[in-house]
Protein backbone atom coordinates (compact mmCIF):
# COMPACT_ATOMS: atom_id res chain seq x y z
CA MET A 1 -54.13 27.76 78.35
CA THR A 2 -54.99 25.08 75.97
CA GLU A 3 -54.09 25.72 72.29
CA LEU A 4 -56.45 23.63 70.69
CA PHE A 5 -59.85 22.70 72.69
CA ASP A 6 -61.28 24.28 75.38
CA ALA A 7 -64.04 21.49 76.63
CA VAL A 8 -64.40 17.75 76.53
CA LEU A 9 -68.25 16.76 76.01
CA PHE A 10 -68.61 12.96 77.19
CA ASP A 11 -71.56 11.09 76.28
CA ARG A 12 -73.06 9.29 79.15
CA ASP A 13 -74.46 5.72 78.83
CA GLY A 14 -72.12 3.30 77.03
CA THR A 15 -69.10 6.25 77.51
CA LEU A 16 -68.64 7.49 80.93
CA VAL A 17 -70.80 4.50 82.48
CA VAL A 18 -72.12 0.99 81.78
CA ASP A 19 -75.13 1.41 79.54
CA VAL A 20 -77.94 0.40 81.76
CA PRO A 21 -81.02 0.70 80.03
CA TYR A 22 -83.19 3.52 80.65
CA ASN A 23 -81.80 3.43 84.01
CA GLY A 24 -83.41 5.19 86.99
CA ASP A 25 -81.24 3.37 89.99
CA PRO A 26 -78.28 5.54 91.14
CA SER A 27 -77.03 1.99 92.73
CA LEU A 28 -76.96 0.76 89.20
CA VAL A 29 -74.32 3.21 88.46
CA GLU A 30 -71.21 1.94 87.26
CA PRO A 31 -68.14 3.79 85.46
CA MET A 32 -66.58 2.03 82.27
CA PRO A 33 -62.93 1.04 82.67
CA GLY A 34 -60.41 3.68 82.99
CA ALA A 35 -63.02 6.27 82.99
CA ARG A 36 -62.61 8.16 86.32
CA GLU A 37 -58.52 8.23 85.50
CA ALA A 38 -59.15 9.59 81.70
CA VAL A 39 -61.76 12.72 83.15
CA ASP A 40 -59.11 13.16 85.74
CA ARG A 41 -56.12 13.59 83.34
CA LEU A 42 -58.21 16.18 80.72
CA ARG A 43 -59.38 17.88 83.72
CA ALA A 44 -56.08 18.42 85.36
CA ALA A 45 -54.58 19.44 81.74
CA GLY A 46 -57.09 22.41 81.93
CA LEU A 47 -60.41 21.44 79.85
CA ARG A 48 -63.49 22.35 81.02
CA LEU A 49 -65.91 18.86 81.06
CA GLY A 50 -69.45 18.59 79.89
CA VAL A 51 -71.89 15.33 79.24
CA ILE A 52 -74.31 15.64 76.21
CA THR A 53 -76.80 12.95 76.61
CA ASN A 54 -79.99 11.33 74.91
CA GLN A 55 -82.59 10.42 77.52
CA SER A 56 -85.82 9.46 75.84
CA GLY A 57 -87.01 7.38 78.79
CA LEU A 58 -88.54 10.34 80.15
CA ALA A 59 -90.26 10.96 77.37
CA ARG A 60 -91.32 7.26 77.15
CA GLY A 61 -92.09 7.04 80.42
CA ARG A 62 -89.26 4.85 81.83
CA PHE A 63 -88.20 6.57 84.49
CA THR A 64 -89.03 10.08 86.32
CA ALA A 65 -87.07 13.60 86.10
CA ASP A 66 -86.31 12.85 89.73
CA GLN A 67 -84.79 9.87 89.02
CA LEU A 68 -82.67 11.07 86.05
CA ALA A 69 -81.55 13.75 88.25
CA ALA A 70 -80.59 11.10 90.87
CA VAL A 71 -78.73 8.98 88.04
CA ASN A 72 -76.87 11.98 86.93
CA ARG A 73 -75.75 13.15 90.65
CA ARG A 74 -74.59 9.52 90.85
CA VAL A 75 -72.05 9.99 88.12
CA ASP A 76 -70.91 13.31 89.04
CA GLU A 77 -69.79 11.93 92.73
CA ILE A 78 -68.31 9.21 90.70
CA PHE A 79 -66.17 11.55 88.47
CA GLY A 80 -66.08 14.85 90.58
CA GLY A 81 -68.38 16.56 89.11
CA PHE A 82 -68.73 18.39 85.47
CA ASP A 83 -69.06 21.49 84.26
CA THR A 84 -72.23 21.40 82.26
CA TRP A 85 -75.20 18.91 82.00
CA GLN A 86 -77.21 19.32 78.19
CA ILE A 87 -79.83 16.62 78.00
CA CYS A 88 -82.64 15.74 75.97
CA PRO A 89 -85.52 14.66 76.92
CA HIS A 90 -87.39 13.71 73.86
CA ASP A 91 -87.73 10.65 71.57
CA ASP A 92 -87.21 10.33 67.88
CA THR A 93 -90.56 11.31 67.06
CA ALA A 94 -90.26 14.61 68.58
CA GLY A 95 -88.21 16.56 65.81
CA CYS A 96 -86.31 18.39 68.05
CA ASP A 97 -82.86 19.84 67.33
CA CYS A 98 -81.20 18.61 70.79
CA ARG A 99 -81.59 14.82 69.99
CA LYS A 100 -78.00 13.59 68.99
CA PRO A 101 -77.17 13.24 65.75
CA ALA A 102 -78.64 17.14 65.80
CA PRO A 103 -75.84 19.40 67.49
CA GLY A 104 -78.02 21.26 69.63
CA LEU A 105 -76.66 19.46 72.85
CA VAL A 106 -73.07 20.26 71.67
CA ILE A 107 -73.99 24.09 71.03
CA ALA A 108 -75.66 24.51 74.19
CA ALA A 109 -72.72 23.12 76.07
CA ALA A 110 -70.26 25.00 74.55
CA GLU A 111 -72.16 28.01 75.20
CA ALA A 112 -72.74 26.99 78.90
CA LEU A 113 -68.68 26.52 79.00
CA ASP A 114 -67.79 29.80 77.29
CA THR A 115 -66.57 28.62 74.40
CA THR A 116 -67.06 27.57 70.22
CA PRO A 117 -67.89 23.87 69.15
CA ALA A 118 -64.68 24.23 67.07
CA ARG A 119 -63.31 24.08 70.56
CA CYS A 120 -64.80 21.30 71.69
CA VAL A 121 -64.21 17.49 71.29
CA VAL A 122 -66.85 14.78 71.64
CA VAL A 123 -66.08 11.49 73.10
CA GLY A 124 -69.09 8.92 72.44
CA ASP A 125 -69.52 5.25 71.58
CA ILE A 126 -71.88 5.40 68.66
CA GLY A 127 -72.47 7.11 65.37
CA ARG A 128 -74.88 9.50 66.72
CA ASP A 129 -72.78 10.78 68.95
CA MET A 130 -69.92 11.43 66.24
CA GLY A 131 -72.89 12.78 64.12
CA ALA A 132 -73.74 15.33 66.41
CA ALA A 133 -70.00 16.66 66.68
CA LEU A 134 -69.54 16.93 63.05
CA ALA A 135 -73.05 18.79 62.74
CA ALA A 136 -71.73 21.66 65.22
CA GLY A 137 -68.41 21.66 63.94
CA ALA A 138 -66.52 19.75 66.60
CA ALA A 139 -63.95 16.96 66.64
CA GLY A 140 -64.99 13.52 67.54
CA VAL A 141 -63.70 10.41 69.20
CA LEU A 142 -65.42 7.41 69.08
CA VAL A 143 -64.79 4.74 71.79
CA PRO A 144 -66.23 1.58 70.52
CA THR A 145 -68.11 -1.14 72.86
CA PRO A 146 -69.98 -3.96 71.53
CA VAL A 147 -72.98 -1.87 70.53
CA THR A 148 -71.00 -0.21 67.93
CA LEU A 149 -72.13 -0.81 64.06
CA PRO A 150 -69.05 -1.16 62.06
CA PRO A 151 -70.30 1.43 59.74
CA GLU A 152 -70.25 3.64 62.38
CA ILE A 153 -66.52 2.81 63.29
CA ALA A 154 -65.81 3.28 59.39
CA ALA A 155 -67.23 6.74 59.58
CA ALA A 156 -66.02 8.33 62.88
CA PRO A 157 -63.16 10.69 62.34
CA ALA A 158 -61.47 9.35 65.04
CA VAL A 159 -60.94 6.42 66.88
CA ALA A 160 -59.71 4.97 70.19
CA SER A 161 -60.41 1.65 71.48
CA THR A 162 -60.25 2.66 75.05
CA LEU A 163 -60.94 6.23 77.24
CA THR A 164 -57.53 6.11 78.32
CA GLY A 165 -56.79 5.79 74.32
CA ALA A 166 -59.25 9.02 73.65
CA ALA A 167 -57.27 10.92 76.32
CA ASP A 168 -54.25 9.89 75.23
CA LEU A 169 -55.19 11.19 71.62
CA ILE A 170 -56.86 14.72 72.91
CA LEU A 171 -53.97 15.49 74.73
CA ARG A 172 -51.18 14.49 71.94
CA ARG A 173 -53.33 16.36 69.67
CA GLU A 174 -53.04 19.22 72.27
CA ALA A 175 -49.10 18.93 72.64
CA LEU A 176 -48.72 19.02 68.55
CA VAL A 177 -49.89 22.28 68.25
CA THR A 178 -48.09 23.82 71.49
CA PRO A 179 -45.38 26.05 70.45
CA ALA A 180 -41.32 24.95 71.27
CA PRO A 181 -39.26 27.31 72.67
CA ARG A 182 -37.97 29.97 70.35
CA PRO A 183 -33.77 29.49 70.10
CA ALA A 184 -32.73 32.74 71.06
CA PRO A 185 -31.14 35.55 68.89
CA ALA A 186 -27.73 35.87 68.70
CA GLY A 187 -25.91 37.80 71.55
CA THR A 188 -28.71 37.21 73.85
CA THR A 189 -29.79 34.66 76.14
CA SER A 190 -33.81 34.32 75.47
CA ALA A 191 -35.99 35.00 73.05
CA PRO A 192 -37.21 38.64 73.37
CA ALA A 193 -41.31 38.89 74.55
CA ALA A 194 -43.79 39.38 72.02
CA THR A 195 -44.73 42.55 70.86
CA THR A 196 -46.58 44.32 67.92
CA PRO A 197 -44.24 46.55 65.99
CA THR A 198 -45.12 49.33 63.54
CA ARG A 199 -44.77 47.63 60.02
CA GLY A 200 -44.26 49.59 57.01
CA ALA A 201 -45.41 48.58 53.19
CA VAL A 202 -43.85 45.80 51.45
CA THR A 203 -41.57 46.42 48.41
CA PRO A 204 -42.26 43.72 45.89
CA THR A 205 -38.56 41.82 44.69
CA PRO A 206 -39.08 41.86 40.82
CA GLY A 207 -39.94 38.51 39.57
CA ALA A 208 -42.67 36.23 40.61
CA ALA A 209 -43.21 37.85 43.57
CA THR A 210 -46.05 40.12 44.36
CA PRO A 211 -47.15 41.87 47.65
CA ARG A 212 -50.33 40.65 49.30
CA PRO A 213 -53.69 42.72 49.90
CA GLY A 214 -54.30 42.18 53.69
CA GLY A 215 -50.32 42.13 54.45
CA ALA A 216 -48.04 45.23 55.36
CA GLY A 217 -49.90 48.61 54.59
CA SER A 218 -52.89 47.14 53.56
CA ALA A 219 -56.37 49.39 53.62
CA LEU A 220 -58.37 45.99 52.47
CA THR A 221 -61.64 46.49 53.55
CA GLY A 222 -62.93 43.85 56.30
CA ILE A 223 -59.24 42.73 56.82
CA VAL A 224 -58.07 41.83 60.24
CA PRO A 225 -54.50 41.83 60.46
CA VAL A 226 -52.67 39.15 62.16
CA PRO A 227 -51.06 40.03 65.50
CA ARG A 228 -47.25 40.24 65.10
CA GLY A 229 -44.61 39.50 67.31
CA VAL A 230 -41.08 40.00 67.17
CA ALA A 231 -39.48 36.32 67.54
CA ALA A 232 -38.44 36.42 64.06
CA GLY A 233 -37.21 38.22 61.12
CA THR A 234 -38.41 37.52 57.72
CA VAL A 235 -40.03 33.70 57.45
CA LEU A 236 -40.30 31.84 54.43
CA VAL A 237 -43.35 29.32 54.48
CA VAL A 238 -44.22 26.91 51.48
CA ARG A 239 -46.73 25.01 50.54
CA ALA A 240 -46.91 23.89 46.79
CA ASP A 241 -50.18 22.26 46.34
CA SER A 242 -53.22 22.89 45.12
CA ALA A 243 -55.94 25.22 46.39
CA GLY A 244 -57.37 23.61 49.22
CA ASP A 245 -54.13 22.26 50.26
CA VAL A 246 -53.10 25.94 51.20
CA LEU A 247 -56.36 26.84 52.99
CA VAL A 248 -55.78 24.17 55.50
CA THR A 249 -52.28 25.22 55.51
CA GLY A 250 -53.76 28.68 56.51
CA PRO A 251 -54.16 28.68 60.48
CA ALA A 252 -50.26 27.14 60.71
CA ILE A 253 -49.23 30.59 58.64
CA ARG A 254 -51.45 32.67 61.10
CA ALA A 255 -49.05 31.05 63.58
CA VAL A 256 -45.82 32.29 61.74
CA ALA A 257 -47.36 35.48 60.90
CA HIS A 258 -47.95 35.95 64.73
CA GLY A 259 -44.49 35.46 65.64
CA ALA A 260 -42.54 37.01 62.61
CA ARG A 261 -41.86 40.75 61.17
CA ARG A 262 -42.56 39.64 57.77
CA VAL A 263 -43.89 36.46 55.70
CA VAL A 264 -43.14 35.29 52.29
CA MET A 265 -44.84 32.29 50.84
CA LEU A 266 -43.85 30.06 48.36
CA CYS A 267 -46.51 28.12 46.48
CA GLY A 268 -47.46 26.49 43.43
CA PRO A 269 -49.51 28.00 40.38
CA ARG A 270 -52.44 25.61 41.41
CA GLY A 271 -52.65 27.17 44.83
CA ARG A 272 -51.64 30.60 44.25
CA GLY A 273 -55.18 31.95 44.50
CA ALA A 274 -55.74 30.46 47.71
CA ALA A 275 -52.25 31.67 49.00
CA GLU A 276 -54.04 35.34 47.78
CA LEU A 277 -56.58 34.34 50.72
CA LEU A 278 -54.96 33.86 53.14
CA PRO A 279 -54.30 36.45 56.17
CA GLY A 280 -50.85 36.85 57.55
CA VAL A 281 -49.22 36.41 54.11
CA ASP A 282 -47.18 39.43 52.75
CA GLU A 283 -45.96 38.51 49.49
CA ILE A 284 -45.92 35.53 47.29
CA VAL A 285 -43.39 33.45 45.24
CA GLU A 286 -45.01 31.62 42.11
CA TRP A 287 -42.83 28.32 41.39
CA ARG A 288 -43.81 24.87 40.39
CA LEU A 289 -41.91 22.58 42.26
CA PRO A 290 -41.35 18.98 40.30
CA TRP A 291 -41.19 16.87 43.49
CA ILE A 292 -44.58 18.08 44.51
CA ASP A 293 -46.49 19.27 41.62
CA ALA A 294 -49.21 16.61 40.69
CA GLU A 295 -48.24 17.10 36.80
CA PRO A 296 -44.41 17.57 37.01
CA GLY A 297 -42.32 18.48 34.25
CA ALA A 298 -38.35 17.23 33.70
CA VAL A 299 -36.18 18.55 36.38
CA ASP A 300 -34.18 21.33 34.63
CA ALA A 301 -30.80 22.61 36.36
CA GLU A 302 -31.32 25.91 35.04
CA GLU A 303 -34.84 26.00 36.26
CA MET A 304 -33.07 24.84 39.84
CA ALA A 305 -30.35 27.40 39.68
CA ALA A 306 -33.29 30.42 39.25
CA LEU A 307 -35.37 28.88 41.85
CA THR A 308 -32.20 29.10 44.50
CA GLU A 309 -31.24 32.25 43.55
CA ARG A 310 -34.92 33.74 43.90
CA LEU A 311 -35.05 32.09 47.45
CA ARG A 312 -31.62 34.01 48.19
CA GLU A 313 -33.21 37.36 46.96
CA VAL A 314 -36.26 36.48 49.78
CA GLY A 315 -33.85 37.18 52.35
CA ALA A 316 -35.52 35.08 54.75
CA ASP A 317 -33.77 34.23 58.39
CA GLU A 318 -35.83 30.97 58.53
CA ALA A 319 -37.99 28.74 56.37
CA VAL A 320 -41.12 26.71 57.71
CA VAL A 321 -41.85 23.82 54.75
CA PHE A 322 -45.34 21.98 55.39
CA THR A 323 -45.81 19.20 52.88
CA SER A 324 -48.45 16.68 52.93
CA PHE A 325 -48.09 12.71 54.59
CA HIS A 326 -46.73 11.60 50.81
CA GLN A 327 -44.28 14.45 50.23
CA SER A 328 -41.09 15.11 51.19
CA ALA A 329 -39.43 18.43 52.24
CA LEU A 330 -35.76 17.65 51.71
CA PRO A 331 -35.36 18.35 47.98
CA LEU A 332 -36.83 21.98 48.48
CA ALA A 333 -34.38 22.16 52.13
CA LEU A 334 -31.05 21.23 50.03
CA LEU A 335 -31.98 24.75 47.75
CA LEU A 336 -32.84 26.77 51.04
CA ARG A 337 -29.33 25.70 51.90
CA ILE A 338 -27.80 26.89 49.31
CA ALA A 339 -29.82 29.92 48.83
CA GLY A 340 -28.55 30.71 52.26
CA VAL A 341 -31.51 30.30 54.84
CA GLY A 342 -30.10 29.73 58.36
CA ARG A 343 -32.89 27.61 59.87
CA ILE A 344 -35.14 25.21 58.02
CA THR A 345 -38.38 23.52 59.82
CA ALA A 346 -40.09 20.48 58.04
CA ILE A 347 -41.75 16.81 58.69
CA SER A 348 -39.23 14.24 57.51
CA ASP A 349 -39.32 10.34 58.15
CA ASP A 350 -36.37 10.35 56.31
CA TYR A 351 -32.85 10.98 57.48
CA PRO A 352 -32.45 14.52 56.70
CA GLY A 353 -28.38 15.27 57.64
CA SER A 354 -28.00 18.63 57.47
CA LEU A 355 -30.95 19.91 55.43
CA LEU A 356 -33.20 20.58 58.55
CA ASP A 357 -32.39 22.23 61.62
CA VAL A 358 -36.02 21.03 63.24
CA ARG A 359 -36.66 17.76 62.11
CA HIS A 360 -40.45 17.10 63.00
CA ARG A 361 -42.74 14.09 63.04
CA VAL A 362 -46.07 13.77 63.40
CA PRO A 363 -48.23 10.36 63.71
CA ALA A 364 -50.44 9.31 61.30
CA GLY A 365 -54.45 10.54 61.15
CA ILE A 366 -53.81 13.96 62.81
CA PRO A 367 -56.59 16.38 60.66
CA GLU A 368 -54.40 18.24 58.17
CA ALA A 369 -54.69 21.38 59.83
CA GLU A 370 -53.47 20.40 63.09
CA ARG A 371 -50.59 18.58 61.31
CA ALA A 372 -49.50 22.00 59.51
CA ARG A 373 -49.89 23.75 63.14
CA SER A 374 -47.43 21.17 64.42
CA VAL A 375 -44.98 22.32 61.99
CA ALA A 376 -45.08 25.50 62.97
CA ALA A 377 -45.35 24.87 66.57
CA ALA A 378 -42.13 22.67 66.26
CA ALA A 379 -40.21 25.96 64.92
CA GLY A 380 -41.72 28.11 68.02
CA PHE A 381 -44.85 29.62 66.21
CA GLY A 382 -48.08 29.49 67.86
CA LEU A 383 -51.48 31.30 66.86
CA PRO A 384 -52.00 34.61 68.55
CA PRO A 385 -54.95 34.80 71.84
CA GLY A 386 -58.28 34.63 70.33
CA ASP A 387 -57.37 32.74 67.19
CA ASP A 388 -59.30 29.42 67.39
CA GLY A 389 -57.34 27.58 64.67
CA SER A 390 -60.12 27.46 62.31
CA LEU A 391 -59.55 27.56 58.49
CA ARG A 392 -60.34 31.52 57.17
CA VAL A 393 -59.59 33.75 54.72
CA THR A 394 -59.57 37.56 54.09
CA GLY A 395 -62.33 39.62 53.79
CA VAL A 396 -65.33 37.19 53.43
CA ARG A 397 -67.54 35.08 56.45
CA HIS A 398 -70.43 33.10 56.33
CA GLU A 399 -72.65 35.30 58.88
CA GLY A 400 -75.48 32.33 59.17
CA GLY A 401 -78.73 31.37 57.63
CA GLY A 402 -78.28 31.56 53.74
CA GLU A 403 -79.76 32.47 50.50
CA TYR A 404 -79.33 29.24 48.66
CA VAL A 405 -77.47 25.74 48.39
CA VAL A 406 -74.86 25.42 46.47
CA VAL A 407 -73.95 22.29 45.14
CA HIS A 408 -70.31 21.78 43.55
CA PRO A 409 -70.05 18.38 41.31
CA GLY A 410 -66.83 18.34 40.56
CA ALA A 411 -63.43 17.30 42.34
CA SER A 412 -59.61 17.45 41.75
CA CYS A 413 -59.73 13.65 40.43
CA GLU A 414 -62.49 10.99 39.60
CA ALA A 415 -62.17 9.02 42.91
CA ARG A 416 -63.22 11.74 44.90
CA SER A 417 -65.98 12.84 42.18
CA CYS A 418 -69.97 11.89 42.97
CA PRO A 419 -71.13 10.17 39.74
CA PRO A 420 -73.26 13.14 37.37
CA GLU A 421 -76.00 10.89 37.48
CA THR A 422 -76.28 10.94 41.58
CA MET A 423 -75.13 14.64 41.52
CA ARG A 424 -78.45 15.39 39.20
CA ARG A 425 -81.05 13.64 41.34
CA ILE A 426 -79.42 15.23 44.40
CA VAL A 427 -79.98 18.62 42.91
CA ALA A 428 -83.71 17.93 41.86
CA ALA A 429 -84.33 16.39 45.26
CA LEU A 430 -83.11 19.44 46.74
CA ALA A 431 -85.29 21.94 44.22
CA ALA A 432 -88.03 19.79 45.12
CA GLY A 433 -87.86 20.24 48.84
CA GLY A 434 -88.09 23.95 48.21
CA HIS A 435 -84.10 25.06 48.05
CA ARG A 436 -83.05 27.39 45.69
CA VAL A 437 -79.93 25.65 44.32
CA LEU A 438 -76.87 26.97 42.39
CA VAL A 439 -74.53 24.33 40.62
CA THR A 440 -70.64 25.64 40.63
CA GLY A 441 -67.93 24.10 38.53
CA GLY A 442 -64.31 24.82 38.08
CA ASP A 443 -62.59 25.09 34.82
CA GLY A 444 -63.57 22.90 32.31
CA GLU A 445 -66.75 21.57 34.10
CA ARG A 446 -69.35 23.91 32.25
CA ALA A 447 -70.63 20.43 30.84
CA LEU A 448 -70.65 18.89 33.72
CA ALA A 449 -72.43 21.82 35.93
CA ALA A 450 -75.09 21.90 33.24
CA TYR A 451 -76.10 18.31 32.98
CA VAL A 452 -76.29 18.24 36.74
CA ASN A 453 -77.88 21.36 37.05
CA GLY A 454 -80.42 19.67 34.89
CA GLY A 455 -82.74 22.90 34.34
CA VAL A 456 -84.11 23.47 38.19
CA GLY A 457 -81.06 24.95 39.51
CA VAL A 458 -79.05 28.34 38.66
CA GLU A 459 -75.97 27.18 36.61
CA VAL A 460 -72.97 29.66 38.01
CA GLY A 461 -70.55 30.12 35.35
CA ARG A 462 -66.76 30.48 35.79
CA THR A 463 -65.90 31.95 38.93
CA SER A 464 -62.40 33.19 40.55
CA LEU A 465 -61.81 32.16 44.20
CA THR A 466 -62.51 34.97 45.66
CA GLU A 467 -65.89 34.91 43.92
CA MET A 468 -66.72 31.66 44.74
CA ALA A 469 -65.90 32.34 48.57
CA GLU A 470 -68.35 35.24 47.96
CA ILE A 471 -70.85 32.90 46.97
CA LEU A 472 -70.65 30.44 49.47
CA ALA A 473 -70.56 32.96 52.32
CA ARG A 474 -74.06 33.52 51.62
CA ALA A 475 -74.87 29.76 50.90
CA SER A 476 -76.81 27.90 53.95
CA CYS A 477 -74.56 25.24 52.87
CA LEU A 478 -72.36 23.26 50.27
CA VAL A 479 -72.73 19.85 48.71
CA VAL A 480 -69.48 18.83 47.83
CA GLY A 481 -67.27 15.74 47.93
CA ASN A 482 -63.52 16.27 48.77
CA THR A 483 -62.26 18.88 46.72
CA GLY A 484 -61.06 22.37 46.99
CA PRO A 485 -64.56 23.85 47.43
CA ALA A 486 -65.16 22.09 50.79
CA HIS A 487 -62.12 23.75 52.28
CA LEU A 488 -63.02 27.23 51.19
CA ALA A 489 -66.45 27.09 52.36
CA ALA A 490 -65.00 25.86 55.36
CA ALA A 491 -62.63 28.89 55.40
CA VAL A 492 -65.74 31.32 55.46
CA GLY A 493 -67.91 29.30 57.91
CA THR A 494 -70.04 27.82 55.66
CA PRO A 495 -71.58 24.04 56.46
CA VAL A 496 -70.71 21.25 54.32
CA VAL A 497 -72.60 18.15 53.12
CA SER A 498 -69.59 16.19 52.30
CA LEU A 499 -70.02 13.39 49.84
CA TYR A 500 -66.95 11.52 50.81
CA ALA A 501 -64.88 8.80 48.71
CA PRO A 502 -62.92 6.96 51.74
CA THR A 503 -59.87 7.22 49.66
CA VAL A 504 -58.16 9.23 52.44
CA PRO A 505 -59.30 9.60 56.21
CA TYR A 506 -62.00 11.56 56.92
CA GLY A 507 -60.74 12.66 60.08
CA GLN A 508 -57.40 14.12 57.97
CA TRP A 509 -58.90 15.80 55.04
CA GLY A 510 -62.90 16.53 56.02
CA PRO A 511 -64.08 20.07 56.25
CA TYR A 512 -62.29 21.45 59.73
CA ARG A 513 -64.14 22.87 62.44
CA VAL A 514 -67.44 23.64 60.53
CA PRO A 515 -70.61 22.15 60.90
CA ASN A 516 -71.11 18.98 58.26
CA VAL A 517 -72.27 15.74 57.40
CA ARG A 518 -70.53 12.88 55.89
CA LEU A 519 -72.58 10.99 53.52
CA GLY A 520 -71.24 8.03 51.78
CA ASP A 521 -69.90 4.49 52.64
CA ALA A 522 -66.92 4.95 54.93
CA GLY A 523 -66.08 1.33 54.88
CA ALA A 524 -65.81 0.79 50.81
CA PRO A 525 -63.27 -1.41 49.69
CA CYS A 526 -61.18 1.85 48.07
CA ARG A 527 -60.96 3.20 51.98
CA ASP A 528 -57.50 4.07 52.32
CA SER A 529 -56.05 3.40 48.76
CA ARG A 530 -55.25 6.83 48.06
CA ALA A 531 -56.57 5.90 44.57
CA THR A 532 -57.34 8.65 41.99
CA VAL A 533 -59.24 7.12 39.65
CA CYS A 534 -61.96 4.67 41.45
CA PRO A 535 -60.70 0.97 41.46
CA ILE A 536 -64.76 -0.20 41.84
CA ALA A 537 -66.68 -0.89 38.88
CA GLY A 538 -69.92 1.79 39.30
CA HIS A 539 -68.42 4.13 42.15
CA PRO A 540 -70.70 2.35 44.88
CA CYS A 541 -69.05 4.41 47.82
CA LEU A 542 -70.89 7.68 46.42
CA SER A 543 -73.40 6.29 43.71
CA ASP A 544 -75.42 4.78 46.43
CA ILE A 545 -76.15 8.15 48.37
CA GLU A 546 -80.04 8.24 48.43
CA PRO A 547 -80.57 12.11 47.39
CA GLU A 548 -83.58 12.10 50.39
CA ARG A 549 -80.22 11.98 52.80
CA VAL A 550 -78.68 14.97 51.62
CA VAL A 551 -81.92 16.66 51.96
CA ALA A 552 -82.00 15.76 55.28
CA ALA A 553 -78.57 16.49 56.11
CA VAL A 554 -79.34 19.84 54.52
CA ARG A 555 -81.93 20.33 57.09
CA LEU A 556 -79.98 19.21 60.00
CA LEU A 557 -77.21 21.33 59.18
CA ALA A 558 -80.06 24.69 58.95
CA ALA A 559 -81.49 23.10 62.37
CA GLY A 560 -78.03 23.53 63.88
CA ALA A 561 -77.35 27.24 62.34
CA HIS A 562 -80.90 27.98 64.17
CA GLU A 563 -79.36 27.05 67.16
CA ARG A 564 -76.94 28.77 67.21
CA THR A 565 -78.55 31.79 66.17
CA GLU A 566 -80.95 31.22 69.15
CA VAL A 567 -77.69 30.71 71.49
CA ALA A 568 -76.16 34.00 70.24
CA ALA A 569 -79.56 36.15 70.95
């Protein structure tokens, strides 16, 4: 069974076979270099395979339905057959929900293959293919050809130079989240089989820790408990970042919870609200770590001694430390060692000496949720059957449709914020298009929200993270930059129009496994700079977004929601 994907969906022309415009002749079908070998490898790995293809030549009268079928049969012969074919016969004037970049073909293919778009990866050669993947909530890998435009390459969530490289990337991502064998408990020769033990209520240790709603003994309505195994006792999981960082670590923490009797989470004050929403966490310890926090204080010897003692009181049998790519787990690993934690797993490019038992490494560009899952997998923890690996919070879920569009103009740093004037025009355009618009703002953003609202939307006052999750769950979509609410929307399943500054890679930090549309100049000079303040005058990567494109993106996501409802029915 695969851990990450169930299916790979290929574009036909320019991806699987050489693009012959409006081809109706099977004798002209020629596979792209390495295509048959790539398809065979993916099939051998247990992945289901499909084709999703725009064929407007049928609508234009350039070939007949019989000729199209004959060409597709030849493609099947060359590649050993595909498990589903999904074809859009329309041209751009039809306004259909299936012509890429609309998500209809991806949604239909996932249904035909008995999976969901979130468990699919789309491989194609142009921006339409990647747009359809994102709008459906699927992963995407672009394999450029001479017809691929540079902006399409810049905006793609992942890029491989060949189909062989695309297959390598897909299988590597699968391997990263496949759990390693767990170490055998003392006195045994192998780890015990997983069971579901009866678990009593957790008594909090005095101090910073509190028991979690939805953890052991919880009766909180709407929460589905994470199934538990017995491979480990108490496991300390660590993510000391902001709310968004904590949310994207959620699938990894659920994996740990599946294999542990008790999960204690160490988080910072900025991530505490998100930690309280995560399934699988039984107890929370809040502590500001000066080597992680964005506004660190001085390192204080007495405070570090107190933290070490608090970690000792947790009584963890092991720890799994999650960090971002620019952070180090080693300072905390030293304190965990002093506190007596017996097994520690973390990513470290630096030599860890005896501080880590499992030293893990991850290639660049992997989606952050998968990066975290790979750390849990290195420690031997995998998600329970039926868990699709999406972001999730307890008790709140988008059920389709939506009463309004939410616009969140703020961001955690200036470089990721769409200029207020642009956001104000976006709100006005959405309202003029007949949408009810709610404008939200975090702490210190009331004046910003009022300005952006412009008197045409509904300004929402200060909300807790739980309240924000409930607002997002009832929305048709969220319009937002690269900031925490984007990940919260993903965690409740609400589609996202992402006004994304390219300072960090979209494929790594964009909304994960939820329908989304990316807007903004992906090739702007600030690309991959990790800048927190915009280095380019006028913020051109976001200020040039036309409000009409946001309205169109909202419409595209609404079409996908309708398509998913039709498929479910």
